[in-house]
Amino acid sequence: MTVTINDARTVPVQEDLTTDDLRLQVLRGLETMFRADKPLAPATELLTGEWGVLNSDGQVERPGATPVANTYPVFCGTERYDVKATGAVTLILGSHVVLKTNQFDETADYEVGDALTVKDYSAGEAHVTKASSGEPVLGQVLEVGDGWLVFETRRPGDLA
């Protein structure tokens, strides 16, 4: 008996799995990082690699102009079909990980060891940027590349 698969049952893959996605790559810590799905605040869109703030209702929203400690990297953003179905994004919560991303404030000059925070620095961004004195430190630069950063996350609440 020969069994064949009917082409009508196959589902096309919407992602190109052969190319690197520089929006967010976990270089170290994937096996121990804590991920959690959190509901989105109304009318909020956050893509993979951006950062979200947990508000007092436990919903994820975009960061404001003043950085806060309860800000976390978005592991699965609103561009994914499963996130659209559940209305919740997946955040990396309270984990020490090393990330590579092209989602950062490109107007700043970075050096190894720079402290990073997340805030809206002009037009609704949800990316890392250099931390100023007294701002919560959410990461520290490990490597600077052409159009990308490698950084390790810090415990939310550390101050620059």
Protein backbone atom coordinates (compact mmCIF):
# COMPACT_ATOMS: atom_id res chain seq x y z
CA MET A 1 0.00 0.00 0.00
CA THR A 2 1.33 3.40 -1.00
CA VAL A 3 0.34 6.48 0.97
CA THR A 4 0.65 9.90 -0.60
CA ILE A 5 0.19 13.31 0.90
CA ASN A 6 -2.41 15.50 -0.72
CA ASP A 7 -0.96 18.95 -1.56
CA ALA A 8 -4.23 20.55 -0.47
CA ARG A 9 -3.28 19.76 3.15
CA THR A 10 0.07 21.53 3.13
CA VAL A 11 0.40 24.98 4.65
CA PRO A 12 2.94 27.45 3.28
CA VAL A 13 5.56 28.73 5.71
CA GLN A 14 5.28 32.51 5.94
CA GLU A 15 8.79 33.00 7.36
CA ASP A 16 12.09 32.55 5.56
CA LEU A 17 13.85 30.23 7.99
CA THR A 18 17.11 30.29 6.03
CA THR A 19 18.06 33.91 6.83
CA ASP A 20 19.10 35.47 10.12
CA ASP A 21 16.56 37.71 11.80
CA LEU A 22 18.64 40.50 13.29
CA ARG A 23 15.68 42.06 15.07
CA LEU A 24 16.36 39.72 17.99
CA GLN A 25 18.82 36.86 18.30
CA VAL A 26 19.43 35.19 21.65
CA LEU A 27 23.14 34.35 21.62
CA ARG A 28 23.40 33.05 25.20
CA GLY A 29 20.86 32.13 27.83
CA LEU A 30 18.07 30.69 25.64
CA GLU A 31 17.97 27.42 27.61
CA THR A 32 17.34 29.18 30.94
CA MET A 33 15.44 32.33 29.96
CA PHE A 34 11.94 32.85 31.30
CA ARG A 35 9.37 33.74 28.63
CA ALA A 36 5.82 34.78 29.42
CA ASP A 37 2.84 35.76 27.29
CA LYS A 38 1.37 39.09 28.42
CA PRO A 39 -1.76 40.77 27.01
CA LEU A 40 -1.33 43.87 24.88
CA ALA A 41 -2.76 47.20 25.96
CA PRO A 42 -5.47 48.43 23.54
CA ALA A 43 -4.16 49.66 20.16
CA THR A 44 -0.57 48.56 20.95
CA GLU A 45 1.68 47.03 18.29
CA LEU A 46 5.14 45.72 19.23
CA LEU A 47 7.38 43.81 16.85
CA THR A 48 9.92 41.13 17.71
CA GLY A 49 13.08 42.85 18.98
CA GLU A 50 11.29 45.88 20.39
CA TRP A 51 10.74 46.34 24.13
CA GLY A 52 7.47 46.54 26.04
CA VAL A 53 6.53 48.08 29.38
CA LEU A 54 4.25 46.21 31.78
CA ASN A 55 1.64 48.67 33.03
CA SER A 56 -0.25 48.49 36.34
CA ASP A 57 -2.94 46.29 34.71
CA GLY A 58 -0.34 43.71 33.63
CA GLN A 59 -0.70 44.72 29.98
CA VAL A 60 2.16 45.47 27.62
CA GLU A 61 2.45 48.96 26.15
CA ARG A 62 5.06 51.05 24.36
CA PRO A 63 7.69 52.81 26.48
CA GLY A 64 7.30 56.49 27.24
CA ALA A 65 9.88 59.29 27.31
CA THR A 66 10.89 58.41 30.88
CA PRO A 67 12.48 54.94 31.16
CA VAL A 68 11.10 52.52 33.75
CA ALA A 69 12.49 49.31 35.20
CA ASN A 70 9.56 47.05 34.22
CA THR A 71 10.57 47.03 30.53
CA TYR A 72 11.32 43.75 28.75
CA PRO A 73 12.43 42.51 25.29
CA VAL A 74 9.67 41.28 22.98
CA PHE A 75 10.50 37.69 21.96
CA CYS A 76 7.38 37.19 19.79
CA GLY A 77 5.70 40.35 18.51
CA THR A 78 2.41 41.31 16.93
CA GLU A 79 3.60 40.41 13.41
CA ARG A 80 3.22 36.71 14.26
CA TYR A 81 -0.04 34.86 13.55
CA ASP A 82 -0.15 33.15 16.95
CA VAL A 83 0.23 36.50 18.73
CA LYS A 84 -2.55 37.99 16.62
CA ALA A 85 -4.79 35.11 17.66
CA THR A 86 -4.07 35.34 21.39
CA GLY A 87 -3.74 39.13 21.75
CA ALA A 88 -0.62 38.62 23.85
CA VAL A 89 3.07 39.11 23.08
CA THR A 90 5.85 36.94 24.49
CA LEU A 91 8.32 38.83 26.69
CA ILE A 92 11.69 37.76 28.08
CA LEU A 93 11.17 38.40 31.80
CA GLY A 94 13.88 38.73 34.43
CA SER A 95 16.44 36.61 32.59
CA HIS A 96 20.11 37.25 32.03
CA VAL A 97 20.61 36.76 28.29
CA VAL A 98 22.96 37.99 25.59
CA LEU A 99 21.07 39.49 22.65
CA LYS A 100 22.04 40.66 19.18
CA THR A 101 19.75 43.19 17.55
CA ASN A 102 19.45 45.83 14.87
CA GLN A 103 16.64 47.48 16.85
CA PHE A 104 18.44 50.32 18.67
CA ASP A 105 18.83 54.10 18.64
CA GLU A 106 21.17 54.50 15.66
CA THR A 107 21.71 58.22 16.35
CA ALA A 108 23.85 57.44 19.43
CA ASP A 109 27.51 56.41 19.45
CA TYR A 110 28.07 53.15 21.33
CA GLU A 111 31.15 51.70 22.97
CA VAL A 112 31.69 48.39 24.74
CA GLY A 113 30.50 48.78 28.34
CA ASP A 114 27.87 51.47 27.67
CA ALA A 115 24.74 51.18 29.80
CA LEU A 116 21.46 50.80 27.87
CA THR A 117 17.90 51.71 28.70
CA VAL A 118 14.65 51.82 26.76
CA LYS A 119 12.57 54.95 26.18
CA ASP A 120 10.74 56.82 23.46
CA TYR A 121 13.57 59.01 22.20
CA SER A 122 11.61 60.86 19.50
CA ALA A 123 8.81 59.12 17.62
CA GLY A 124 7.38 56.12 19.47
CA GLU A 125 10.41 53.83 19.33
CA ALA A 126 10.62 50.80 21.58
CA HIS A 127 14.34 50.11 21.20
CA VAL A 128 17.41 50.28 23.41
CA THR A 129 19.37 53.51 23.65
CA LYS A 130 22.23 54.80 25.80
CA ALA A 131 21.23 55.32 29.43
CA SER A 132 21.74 58.68 31.09
CA SER A 133 22.66 59.10 34.72
CA GLY A 134 19.85 57.99 37.04
CA GLU A 135 17.96 55.99 34.40
CA PRO A 136 17.22 52.27 34.82
CA VAL A 137 19.87 50.13 33.13
CA LEU A 138 18.35 47.28 31.13
CA GLY A 139 21.50 46.17 29.32
CA GLN A 140 25.20 46.68 28.74
CA VAL A 141 26.93 46.78 25.33
CA LEU A 142 29.29 43.87 24.63
CA GLU A 143 29.97 44.42 20.92
CA VAL A 144 29.20 47.10 18.33
CA GLY A 145 28.81 46.11 14.71
CA ASP A 146 27.79 47.74 11.46
CA GLY A 147 24.04 48.16 12.03
CA TRP A 148 23.78 45.86 15.06
CA LEU A 149 24.56 45.66 18.79
CA VAL A 150 25.35 42.73 21.06
CA PHE A 151 24.42 43.37 24.67
CA GLU A 152 23.65 41.50 27.84
CA THR A 153 20.50 42.23 29.78
CA ARG A 154 20.71 43.55 33.31
CA ARG A 155 18.38 43.16 36.24
CA PRO A 156 15.60 45.73 35.75
CA GLY A 157 16.01 48.59 38.18
CA ASP A 158 19.81 48.94 38.16
CA LEU A 159 20.64 52.63 37.77
CA ALA A 160 23.22 54.14 35.41
